C-alpha atoms as a PDB file:
ATOM      1  CA  MET A   1     119.615 181.955 -17.953  1.00  0.00           C
ATOM      2  CA  LEU A   2     116.544 183.220 -16.087  1.00  0.00           C
ATOM      3  CA  PHE A   3     114.631 183.624 -19.335  1.00  0.00           C
ATOM      4  CA  LEU A   4     115.695 180.201 -20.591  1.00  0.00           C
ATOM      5  CA  HIS A   5     114.780 178.513 -17.309  1.00  0.00           C
ATOM      6  CA  SER A   6     111.392 180.258 -17.094  1.00  0.00           C
ATOM      7  CA  ASN A   7     110.536 178.902 -20.552  1.00  0.00           C
ATOM      8  CA  TYR A   8     111.575 175.343 -19.653  1.00  0.00           C
ATOM      9  CA  HIS A   9     114.567 175.608 -22.004  1.00  0.00           C
ATOM     10  CA  SER A  10     112.597 176.280 -25.181  1.00  0.00           C
ATOM     11  CA  VAL A  11     114.850 178.538 -27.242  1.00  0.00           C
ATOM     12  CA  GLU A  12     112.071 180.023 -29.367  1.00  0.00           C
ATOM     13  CA  LYS A  13     109.867 180.829 -26.386  1.00  0.00           C
ATOM     14  CA  THR A  14     112.875 182.277 -24.593  1.00  0.00           C
ATOM     15  CA  LYS A  15     113.619 184.686 -27.433  1.00  0.00           C
ATOM     16  CA  ASN A  16     109.989 185.823 -27.539  1.00  0.00           C
ATOM     17  CA  THR A  17     109.996 186.432 -23.775  1.00  0.00           C
ATOM     18  CA  ILE A  18     113.232 188.441 -23.960  1.00  0.00           C
ATOM     19  CA  GLU A  19     111.794 190.544 -26.764  1.00  0.00           C
ATOM     20  CA  SER A  20     108.515 191.124 -24.916  1.00  0.00           C
ATOM     21  CA  TYR A  21     110.350 192.001 -21.703  1.00  0.00           C
ATOM     22  CA  PHE A  22     112.384 194.846 -23.172  1.00  0.00           C
ATOM     23  CA  VAL A  23     109.625 196.124 -25.475  1.00  0.00           C
ATOM     24  CA  VAL A  24     106.991 196.344 -22.720  1.00  0.00           C
ATOM     25  CA  ARG A  25     109.437 198.277 -20.564  1.00  0.00           C
ATOM     26  CA  ALA A  26     110.182 200.683 -23.399  1.00  0.00           C
ATOM     27  CA  GLU A  27     106.486 201.213 -24.143  1.00  0.00           C
ATOM     28  CA  ASN A  28     105.581 201.898 -20.497  1.00  0.00           C
ATOM     29  CA  PRO A  29     108.201 204.249 -19.003  1.00  0.00           C
ATOM     30  CA  GLU A  30     105.665 205.423 -16.409  1.00  0.00           C
ATOM     31  CA  LEU A  31     105.955 201.963 -14.832  1.00  0.00           C
ATOM     32  CA  PHE A  32     109.539 200.904 -15.475  1.00  0.00           C
ATOM     33  CA  CYS A  33     111.688 204.026 -15.688  1.00  0.00           C
ATOM     34  CA  ASN A  34     112.922 206.587 -13.130  1.00  0.00           C
ATOM     35  CA  TRP A  35     112.936 204.081 -10.300  1.00  0.00           C
ATOM     36  CA  ASP A  36     114.496 206.399  -7.769  1.00  0.00           C
ATOM     37  CA  LEU A  37     113.551 205.693  -4.187  1.00  0.00           C
ATOM     38  CA  ALA A  38     111.945 209.095  -3.679  1.00  0.00           C
ATOM     39  CA  THR A  39     109.171 208.101  -6.088  1.00  0.00           C
ATOM     40  CA  LEU A  40     108.822 204.600  -4.629  1.00  0.00           C
ATOM     41  CA  ASP A  41     108.959 205.371  -0.924  1.00  0.00           C
ATOM     42  CA  ASN A  42     105.286 206.275  -0.497  1.00  0.00           C
ATOM     43  CA  ALA A  43     104.123 203.065  -2.162  1.00  0.00           C
ATOM     44  CA  PHE A  44     106.388 200.944   0.008  1.00  0.00           C
ATOM     45  CA  GLN A  45     104.704 202.515   3.026  1.00  0.00           C
ATOM     46  CA  LEU A  46     101.179 201.839   1.779  1.00  0.00           C
ATOM     47  CA  TYR A  47     101.616 198.211   0.684  1.00  0.00           C
ATOM     48  CA  THR A  48     103.197 195.125   2.222  1.00  0.00           C
ATOM     49  CA  MET A  49     105.325 193.052  -0.147  1.00  0.00           C
ATOM     50  CA  ALA A  50     106.855 190.187   1.791  1.00  0.00           C
ATOM     51  CA  THR A  51     109.256 187.476   0.684  1.00  0.00           C
ATOM     52  CA  ILE A  52     108.520 184.449   2.867  1.00  0.00           C
ATOM     53  CA  PRO A  53     111.947 183.227   4.112  1.00  0.00           C
ATOM     54  CA  LYS A  54     111.185 179.497   3.851  1.00  0.00           C
ATOM     55  CA  THR A  55     110.184 177.859   0.583  1.00  0.00           C
ATOM     56  CA  THR A  56     107.521 175.208   0.001  1.00  0.00           C
ATOM     57  CA  PRO A  57     108.582 171.527  -0.047  1.00  0.00           C
ATOM     58  CA  GLU A  58     108.887 171.839  -3.839  1.00  0.00           C
ATOM     59  CA  GLY A  59     111.344 174.713  -3.406  1.00  0.00           C
ATOM     60  CA  TYR A  60     108.874 177.391  -4.532  1.00  0.00           C
ATOM     61  CA  ARG A  61     109.357 180.940  -3.251  1.00  0.00           C
ATOM     62  CA  VAL A  62     106.201 182.405  -1.680  1.00  0.00           C
ATOM     63  CA  LEU A  63     105.502 186.117  -2.130  1.00  0.00           C
ATOM     64  CA  LEU A  64     102.786 187.871  -0.123  1.00  0.00           C
ATOM     65  CA  TYR A  65     101.108 191.133  -1.145  1.00  0.00           C
ATOM     66  CA  ARG A  66      98.521 193.130   0.811  1.00  0.00           C
ATOM     67  CA  LEU A  67      97.407 196.627   1.742  1.00  0.00           C
ATOM     68  CA  ASN A  68      99.134 198.354   4.635  1.00  0.00           C
ATOM     69  CA  ASP A  69      96.783 201.317   4.509  1.00  0.00           C
ATOM     70  CA  THR A  70      93.207 200.427   3.550  1.00  0.00           C
ATOM     71  CA  ASP A  71      92.070 203.977   2.737  1.00  0.00           C
ATOM     72  CA  PRO A  72      90.956 203.886  -0.946  1.00  0.00           C
ATOM     73  CA  SER A  73      91.727 207.600  -1.357  1.00  0.00           C
ATOM     74  CA  LYS A  74      95.437 206.811  -0.891  1.00  0.00           C
ATOM     75  CA  PHE A  75      95.449 204.008  -3.440  1.00  0.00           C
ATOM     76  CA  VAL A  76      97.150 205.045  -6.682  1.00  0.00           C
ATOM     77  CA  PHE A  77      97.252 202.080  -9.036  1.00  0.00           C
ATOM     78  CA  GLN A  78     100.218 203.356 -11.057  1.00  0.00           C
ATOM     79  CA  GLU A  79     102.328 203.858  -7.925  1.00  0.00           C
ATOM     80  CA  ALA A  80     101.367 200.399  -6.680  1.00  0.00           C
ATOM     81  CA  MET A  81     102.417 198.851  -9.988  1.00  0.00           C
ATOM     82  CA  ARG A  82     105.750 200.692 -10.005  1.00  0.00           C
ATOM     83  CA  ALA A  83     106.553 199.413  -6.524  1.00  0.00           C
ATOM     84  CA  PHE A  84     105.441 195.897  -7.472  1.00  0.00           C
ATOM     85  CA  PHE A  85     107.696 195.773 -10.530  1.00  0.00           C
ATOM     86  CA  ALA A  86     110.667 197.204  -8.631  1.00  0.00           C
ATOM     87  CA  PHE A  87     110.169 194.702  -5.815  1.00  0.00           C
ATOM     88  CA  ASN A  88     109.970 191.813  -8.264  1.00  0.00           C
ATOM     89  CA  ASP A  89     113.103 192.839 -10.148  1.00  0.00           C
ATOM     90  CA  VAL A  90     115.019 192.830  -6.890  1.00  0.00           C
ATOM     91  CA  GLN A  91     113.445 189.511  -5.915  1.00  0.00           C
ATOM     92  CA  ILE A  92     114.520 187.596  -9.005  1.00  0.00           C
ATOM     93  CA  SER A  93     117.957 189.199  -8.790  1.00  0.00           C
ATOM     94  CA  GLU A  94     118.296 187.918  -5.222  1.00  0.00           C
ATOM     95  CA  ASP A  95     116.873 184.451  -5.954  1.00  0.00           C
ATOM     96  CA  GLY A  96     118.481 183.619  -9.264  1.00  0.00           C
ATOM     97  CA  ILE A  97     117.208 180.378 -10.757  1.00  0.00           C
ATOM     98  CA  ILE A  98     114.731 178.621  -8.446  1.00  0.00           C
ATOM     99  CA  PRO A  99     112.003 176.012  -9.127  1.00  0.00           C
ATOM    100  CA  GLY A 100     109.142 178.518  -9.123  1.00  0.00           C
ATOM    101  CA  TYR A 101     107.015 181.131  -7.370  1.00  0.00           C
ATOM    102  CA  VAL A 102     103.708 181.050  -5.528  1.00  0.00           C
ATOM    103  CA  VAL A 103     101.993 184.431  -5.207  1.00  0.00           C
ATOM    104  CA  LEU A 104      99.543 185.312  -2.428  1.00  0.00           C
ATOM    105  CA  PHE A 105      97.264 188.347  -2.641  1.00  0.00           C
ATOM    106  CA  ASP A 106      95.575 189.083   0.675  1.00  0.00           C
ATOM    107  CA  MET A 107      92.356 191.049   0.052  1.00  0.00           C
ATOM    108  CA  LYS A 108      91.791 191.957   3.699  1.00  0.00           C
ATOM    109  CA  GLY A 109      90.835 195.630   3.776  1.00  0.00           C
ATOM    110  CA  VAL A 110      90.197 195.874   0.030  1.00  0.00           C
ATOM    111  CA  GLN A 111      87.066 197.888  -0.700  1.00  0.00           C
ATOM    112  CA  LEU A 112      84.987 198.745  -3.740  1.00  0.00           C
ATOM    113  CA  GLY A 113      86.742 202.109  -3.714  1.00  0.00           C
ATOM    114  CA  HIS A 114      90.026 200.367  -4.541  1.00  0.00           C
ATOM    115  CA  LEU A 115      88.391 198.496  -7.402  1.00  0.00           C
ATOM    116  CA  ALA A 116      86.920 201.719  -8.763  1.00  0.00           C
ATOM    117  CA  ARG A 117      90.399 203.226  -8.974  1.00  0.00           C
ATOM    118  CA  VAL A 118      91.635 200.229 -10.962  1.00  0.00           C
ATOM    119  CA  THR A 119      88.748 200.458 -13.435  1.00  0.00           C
ATOM    120  CA  THR A 120      89.865 203.987 -14.366  1.00  0.00           C
ATOM    121  CA  ALA A 121      93.309 202.661 -15.346  1.00  0.00           C
ATOM    122  CA  LEU A 122      92.539 199.578 -17.418  1.00  0.00           C
ATOM    123  CA  ASN A 123      95.536 200.272 -19.662  1.00  0.00           C
ATOM    124  CA  LEU A 124      97.804 199.789 -16.648  1.00  0.00           C
ATOM    125  CA  LEU A 125      95.969 196.609 -15.661  1.00  0.00           C
ATOM    126  CA  ARG A 126      96.410 195.246 -19.164  1.00  0.00           C
ATOM    127  CA  THR A 127     100.138 196.054 -19.086  1.00  0.00           C
ATOM    128  CA  PHE A 128     100.446 194.322 -15.721  1.00  0.00           C
ATOM    129  CA  MET A 129      98.765 191.168 -17.022  1.00  0.00           C
ATOM    130  CA  VAL A 130     100.842 191.142 -20.213  1.00  0.00           C
ATOM    131  CA  TYR A 131     104.039 191.541 -18.220  1.00  0.00           C
ATOM    132  CA  ILE A 132     103.224 188.738 -15.764  1.00  0.00           C
ATOM    133  CA  GLN A 133     102.178 186.312 -18.491  1.00  0.00           C
ATOM    134  CA  GLU A 134     104.556 187.128 -21.336  1.00  0.00           C
ATOM    135  CA  CYS A 135     107.592 188.940 -19.933  1.00  0.00           C
ATOM    136  CA  HIS A 136     108.423 188.012 -16.343  1.00  0.00           C
ATOM    137  CA  PRO A 137     111.304 185.458 -16.387  1.00  0.00           C
ATOM    138  CA  VAL A 138     110.055 183.149 -13.637  1.00  0.00           C
ATOM    139  CA  ARG A 139     108.110 179.915 -13.380  1.00  0.00           C
ATOM    140  CA  LEU A 140     104.768 180.863 -11.848  1.00  0.00           C
ATOM    141  CA  LYS A 141     103.329 177.907  -9.924  1.00  0.00           C
ATOM    142  CA  GLY A 142     100.247 179.391  -8.292  1.00  0.00           C
ATOM    143  CA  VAL A 143      98.267 182.581  -7.658  1.00  0.00           C
ATOM    144  CA  HIS A 144      96.192 182.526  -4.480  1.00  0.00           C
ATOM    145  CA  VAL A 145      93.754 185.177  -3.294  1.00  0.00           C
ATOM    146  CA  LEU A 146      93.256 185.176   0.483  1.00  0.00           C
ATOM    147  CA  ASN A 147      90.325 186.639   2.422  1.00  0.00           C
ATOM    148  CA  THR A 148      88.250 187.009  -0.711  1.00  0.00           C
ATOM    149  CA  ALA A 149      85.874 189.966  -0.640  1.00  0.00           C
ATOM    150  CA  SER A 150      82.104 189.798  -1.153  1.00  0.00           C
ATOM    151  CA  PHE A 151      82.554 191.560  -4.485  1.00  0.00           C
ATOM    152  CA  MET A 152      85.111 189.040  -5.792  1.00  0.00           C
ATOM    153  CA  ASP A 153      82.877 188.400  -8.801  1.00  0.00           C
ATOM    154  CA  LYS A 154      83.402 192.023  -9.865  1.00  0.00           C
ATOM    155  CA  VAL A 155      87.170 191.652  -9.468  1.00  0.00           C
ATOM    156  CA  LEU A 156      87.202 188.527 -11.607  1.00  0.00           C
ATOM    157  CA  SER A 157      85.038 190.105 -14.305  1.00  0.00           C
ATOM    158  CA  LEU A 158      87.595 192.915 -14.478  1.00  0.00           C
ATOM    159  CA  VAL A 159      90.762 190.810 -14.732  1.00  0.00           C
ATOM    160  CA  LYS A 160      89.638 187.648 -16.533  1.00  0.00           C
ATOM    161  CA  PRO A 161      89.523 189.257 -20.010  1.00  0.00           C
ATOM    162  CA  PHE A 162      93.294 189.811 -19.660  1.00  0.00           C
ATOM    163  CA  MET A 163      94.067 186.315 -18.374  1.00  0.00           C
ATOM    164  CA  GLN A 164      95.279 183.443 -20.518  1.00  0.00           C
ATOM    165  CA  SER A 165      93.929 179.967 -19.774  1.00  0.00           C
ATOM    166  CA  GLU A 166      97.234 178.899 -18.201  1.00  0.00           C
ATOM    167  CA  LEU A 167      96.997 181.662 -15.602  1.00  0.00           C
ATOM    168  CA  ILE A 168      93.324 180.979 -14.897  1.00  0.00           C
ATOM    169  CA  GLN A 169      94.253 177.381 -14.051  1.00  0.00           C
ATOM    170  CA  LEU A 170      96.802 178.663 -11.509  1.00  0.00           C
ATOM    171  CA  LEU A 171      94.257 180.927  -9.762  1.00  0.00           C
ATOM    172  CA  HIS A 172      92.782 179.784  -6.443  1.00  0.00           C
ATOM    173  CA  LEU A 173      90.433 181.671  -4.108  1.00  0.00           C
ATOM    174  CA  HIS A 174      90.483 181.168  -0.343  1.00  0.00           C
ATOM    175  CA  GLY A 175      87.918 182.329   2.172  1.00  0.00           C
ATOM    176  CA  ASN A 176      90.090 181.030   5.008  1.00  0.00           C
ATOM    177  CA  MET A 177      93.582 179.667   5.623  1.00  0.00           C
ATOM    178  CA  GLU A 178      92.478 176.029   5.799  1.00  0.00           C
ATOM    179  CA  THR A 179      92.104 175.742   2.035  1.00  0.00           C
ATOM    180  CA  LEU A 180      95.520 177.324   1.435  1.00  0.00           C
ATOM    181  CA  LYS A 181      97.461 174.629   3.294  1.00  0.00           C
ATOM    182  CA  LYS A 182      96.902 172.219   0.419  1.00  0.00           C
ATOM    183  CA  PHE A 183      99.289 174.416  -1.581  1.00  0.00           C
ATOM    184  CA  VAL A 184     101.440 176.216   1.012  1.00  0.00           C
ATOM    185  CA  PRO A 185     102.409 174.740   4.408  1.00  0.00           C
ATOM    186  CA  LEU A 186     100.942 177.110   6.974  1.00  0.00           C
ATOM    187  CA  GLU A 187     103.991 176.760   9.238  1.00  0.00           C
ATOM    188  CA  ILE A 188     106.167 178.703   6.772  1.00  0.00           C
ATOM    189  CA  MET A 189     103.739 181.635   6.768  1.00  0.00           C
ATOM    190  CA  PRO A 190     104.037 184.809   8.883  1.00  0.00           C
ATOM    191  CA  GLU A 191     102.748 184.494  12.435  1.00  0.00           C
ATOM    192  CA  GLU A 192      99.537 186.432  11.764  1.00  0.00           C
ATOM    193  CA  TYR A 193      98.619 183.708   9.237  1.00  0.00           C
ATOM    194  CA  GLY A 194      99.281 180.915  11.738  1.00  0.00           C
ATOM    195  CA  GLY A 195     102.882 180.297  10.749  1.00  0.00           C
ATOM    196  CA  ASP A 196     106.240 180.301  12.477  1.00  0.00           C
ATOM    197  CA  CYS A 197     108.031 183.156  10.727  1.00  0.00           C
ATOM    198  CA  LYS A 198     108.074 186.821  11.693  1.00  0.00           C
ATOM    199  CA  PRO A 199     105.199 189.199  10.831  1.00  0.00           C
ATOM    200  CA  ALA A 200     104.822 190.178   7.189  1.00  0.00           C
ATOM    201  CA  THR A 201     105.401 193.861   7.992  1.00  0.00           C
ATOM    202  CA  TYR A 202     108.777 192.994   9.539  1.00  0.00           C
ATOM    203  CA  ILE A 203     109.759 190.939   6.482  1.00  0.00           C
ATOM    204  CA  HIS A 204     108.628 193.775   4.216  1.00  0.00           C
ATOM    205  CA  ASP A 205     110.619 196.378   6.150  1.00  0.00           C
ATOM    206  CA  GLU A 206     113.773 194.238   6.015  1.00  0.00           C
ATOM    207  CA  ARG A 207     113.435 193.818   2.257  1.00  0.00           C
ATOM    208  CA  TYR A 208     112.902 197.543   1.773  1.00  0.00           C
ATOM    209  CA  LYS A 209     116.110 198.202   3.714  1.00  0.00           C
ATOM    210  CA  LEU A 210     117.899 195.975   1.198  1.00  0.00           C
ATOM    211  CA  ILE A 211     116.298 197.803  -1.716  1.00  0.00           C
ATOM    212  CA  LYS A 212     117.197 201.230  -0.326  1.00  0.00           C
ATOM    213  CA  GLY A 213     120.742 200.083   0.382  1.00  0.00           C
ATOM    214  CA  ASP A 214     122.157 197.579  -2.095  1.00  0.00           C
ATOM    215  CA  TYR A 215     119.693 198.131  -4.941  1.00  0.00           C
ATOM    216  CA  ALA A 216     119.079 201.898  -5.029  1.00  0.00           C
ATOM    217  CA  SER A 217     121.474 202.648  -7.903  1.00  0.00           C
ATOM    218  CA  TRP A 218     120.778 199.315  -9.571  1.00  0.00           C
ATOM    219  CA  LEU A 219     117.052 200.047  -9.826  1.00  0.00           C
ATOM    220  CA  LYS A 220     117.601 203.548 -11.128  1.00  0.00           C
ATOM    221  CA  ASP A 221     119.977 202.310 -13.825  1.00  0.00           C
ATOM    222  CA  SER A 222     117.720 199.429 -14.844  1.00  0.00           C
ATOM    223  CA  GLY A 223     115.252 201.914 -16.293  1.00  0.00           C
ATOM    224  CA  ASN A 224     117.716 202.448 -19.138  1.00  0.00           C
ATOM    225  CA  LEU A 225     117.713 198.763 -20.125  1.00  0.00           C
ATOM    226  CA  ILE A 226     114.911 198.896 -22.659  1.00  0.00           C
ATOM    227  CA  ALA A 227     114.357 198.216 -26.346  1.00  0.00           C
ATOM    228  CA  ASP A 228     115.016 201.001 -28.846  1.00  0.00           C
ATOM    229  CA  LEU A 229     111.544 201.161 -30.387  1.00  0.00           C
ATOM    230  CA  LYS A 230     112.742 203.309 -33.299  1.00  0.00           C
ATOM    231  CA  LYS A 231     114.925 200.456 -34.532  1.00  0.00           C
ATOM    232  CA  ARG A 232     112.287 197.754 -34.298  1.00  0.00           C
ATOM    233  CA  PRO A 233     110.886 196.384 -37.570  1.00  0.00           C
ATOM    234  CA  GLN A 234     107.190 197.107 -37.941  1.00  0.00           C
ATOM    235  CA  LYS A 235     106.022 193.510 -38.116  1.00  0.00           C
ATOM    236  CA  ASN A 236     103.451 191.453 -36.337  1.00  0.00           C
ATOM    237  CA  LYS A 237     105.234 189.508 -33.634  1.00  0.00           C
ATOM    238  CA  LYS A 238     103.608 186.201 -34.587  1.00  0.00           C
ATOM    239  CA  SER A 239     104.680 186.496 -38.220  1.00  0.00           C
ATOM    240  CA  ASP A 240     108.136 187.925 -37.572  1.00  0.00           C
ATOM    241  CA  THR A 241     110.531 185.191 -38.717  1.00  0.00           C
ATOM    242  CA  SER A 242     113.628 187.186 -37.761  1.00  0.00           C
ATOM    243  CA  MET A 243     113.309 185.689 -34.271  1.00  0.00           C
ATOM    244  CA  GLU A 244     113.660 182.099 -35.501  1.00  0.00           C
ATOM    245  CA  GLY A 245     116.779 180.000 -35.515  1.00  0.00           C
ATOM    246  CA  SER A 246     119.280 181.449 -33.056  1.00  0.00           C
ATOM    247  CA  PHE A 247     119.975 184.250 -30.642  1.00  0.00           C
ATOM    248  CA  ARG A 248     122.087 186.022 -33.291  1.00  0.00           C
ATOM    249  CA  SER A 249     119.001 187.818 -34.564  1.00  0.00           C
ATOM    250  CA  LEU A 250     118.582 189.560 -31.201  1.00  0.00           C
ATOM    251  CA  SER A 251     120.161 192.972 -30.846  1.00  0.00           C
ATOM    252  CA  PHE A 252     120.057 195.543 -28.077  1.00  0.00           C
ATOM    253  CA  ASP A 253     121.046 199.172 -28.218  1.00  0.00           C
END
């Protein structure tokens, strides 16, 4: 139902998203497998991933991401991606079907040293962009970058080649909070952003308690839910007609 809803009830698009979801996970075990908390704990200490308790007037869930530790030497892009994907799997499991998501990336504390570490792992960046645009079963309603850095042009030149036009249209840059309030009511934001809810670090810590408690085994087991690449026909996805017609052509091992 999540996949169908995220594709606005188009059956053909839904089947393609399901296929992409399980194939990408199978092709990138370094990001989606072995999600035991021992390997995730360090990343959850270095980064804040906060689920804003209140939604926007449209019912959109707001997710906030930022650095907890701004030391570039501690930034490992692969670990950050693993934590991000684990967090998001738990998030959509908790939310179920909702109208959509608004994502906030706060660049406060981001330095050129962080960007340099991303440029050495462009394969991971590409996988991240493919997953967000072609696999993630949610309706993405906006991507907002807060506290944009002076080198934002370098960031954009790095990520734009991997962005489809639909995602580019959802991207908004904000030098201050005043321009954000057109999209997200500031009163629902954490107190350090001028809102009424608790600090983002508190929200993050509470969510991590949930992950370590209720979702520890669930996350570890989810790494086994992948496509069997050995059984996949060697066809170009766009010309593969086996996906047309009905869900009967889908099979999982």
